[in-house]
Protein backbone atom coordinates (compact mmCIF):
# COMPACT_ATOMS: atom_id res chain seq x y z
CA UNK A 1 131.17 96.01 92.60
CA UNK A 2 128.29 93.62 93.71
CA UNK A 3 129.34 90.56 91.29
CA UNK A 4 126.18 91.77 88.93
CA UNK A 5 127.57 94.98 87.84
CA UNK A 6 128.51 98.68 88.74
CA UNK A 7 125.85 100.40 90.68
CA UNK A 8 126.23 103.92 89.23
CA UNK A 9 123.48 106.70 90.16
CA UNK A 10 121.35 103.76 91.71
CA UNK A 11 121.81 101.97 88.84
CA UNK A 12 123.12 98.85 87.97
CA UNK A 13 125.05 98.62 85.16
CA UNK A 14 126.85 95.86 83.56
CA UNK A 15 128.34 94.07 80.55
CA UNK A 16 124.96 92.73 78.86
CA UNK A 17 126.93 89.38 77.94
CA UNK A 18 126.52 85.62 79.72
CA UNK A 19 129.76 83.80 80.60
CA UNK A 20 131.91 83.28 78.23
CA UNK A 21 131.39 86.81 76.84
CA UNK A 22 128.70 85.49 74.65
CA UNK A 23 124.80 86.84 75.28
CA UNK A 24 123.13 85.23 77.01
CA UNK A 25 120.40 83.59 74.60
CA UNK A 26 123.14 82.21 72.51
CA UNK A 27 124.34 80.23 75.78
CA UNK A 28 120.45 79.67 76.17
CA UNK A 29 120.38 78.01 72.92
CA UNK A 30 123.96 76.16 73.59
CA UNK A 31 121.72 74.05 76.17
CA UNK A 32 119.54 73.47 74.39
CA UNK A 33 121.73 71.87 71.81
CA UNK A 34 123.50 69.92 73.89
CA UNK A 35 120.17 68.77 75.55
CA UNK A 36 120.03 70.76 78.91
CA UNK A 37 116.74 72.78 78.19
CA UNK A 38 113.68 72.16 76.31
CA UNK A 39 112.68 74.29 73.01
CA UNK A 40 110.05 76.04 74.83
CA UNK A 41 112.56 77.20 76.76
CA UNK A 42 114.55 78.55 74.66
CA UNK A 43 112.14 79.58 71.64
CA UNK A 44 112.44 83.42 73.08
CA UNK A 45 116.65 83.22 72.81
CA UNK A 46 115.73 81.36 69.18
CA UNK A 47 113.47 84.56 68.20
CA UNK A 48 115.97 87.13 69.20
CA UNK A 49 119.09 85.32 67.08
CA UNK A 50 116.48 85.27 63.81
CA UNK A 51 115.89 88.65 64.43
CA UNK A 52 119.37 89.48 64.85
CA UNK A 53 120.31 87.95 61.33
CA UNK A 54 117.58 87.91 58.97
CA UNK A 55 118.77 91.17 57.65
CA UNK A 56 122.12 89.65 57.22
CA UNK A 57 122.55 88.88 53.24
CA UNK A 58 123.16 85.56 51.90
CA UNK A 59 121.66 84.49 55.71
CA UNK A 60 120.08 80.74 55.77
CA UNK A 61 119.22 78.58 58.91
CA UNK A 62 121.51 75.84 58.46
CA UNK A 63 124.51 78.57 58.45
CA UNK A 64 123.53 81.83 60.23
CA UNK A 65 121.53 79.71 63.27
CA UNK A 66 122.74 77.87 66.04
CA UNK A 67 121.77 73.89 65.35
CA UNK A 68 119.32 75.62 62.24
CA UNK A 69 119.86 72.50 60.61
CA UNK A 70 118.02 70.34 63.13
CA UNK A 71 115.58 72.77 63.69
CA UNK A 72 112.03 70.89 62.46
CA UNK A 73 109.81 73.40 60.35
CA UNK A 74 107.70 73.65 63.06
CA UNK A 75 110.09 74.30 65.23
CA UNK A 76 111.52 77.46 63.04
CA UNK A 77 107.46 78.65 62.53
CA UNK A 78 107.27 79.12 66.24
CA UNK A 79 110.66 80.96 66.06
CA UNK A 80 109.78 83.18 63.51
CA UNK A 81 106.06 83.92 64.78
């Protein structure tokens, strides 16, 4: 073990999750919501989160996307594109 995961067959294999057992893109969004990252730094993380939830029945920006209720129309448009 090297701190990054197990080395097997010449490959490094990890859990694919960041701190706290959450996916790294969700941790980045949390950092944006707490003010430690800018929207430009997390727009790709929001796009990944958006793709994960849009096929869920009854999804909404406010209920399904972290911080979705505080995103501007322009930010939502960037995330969707």
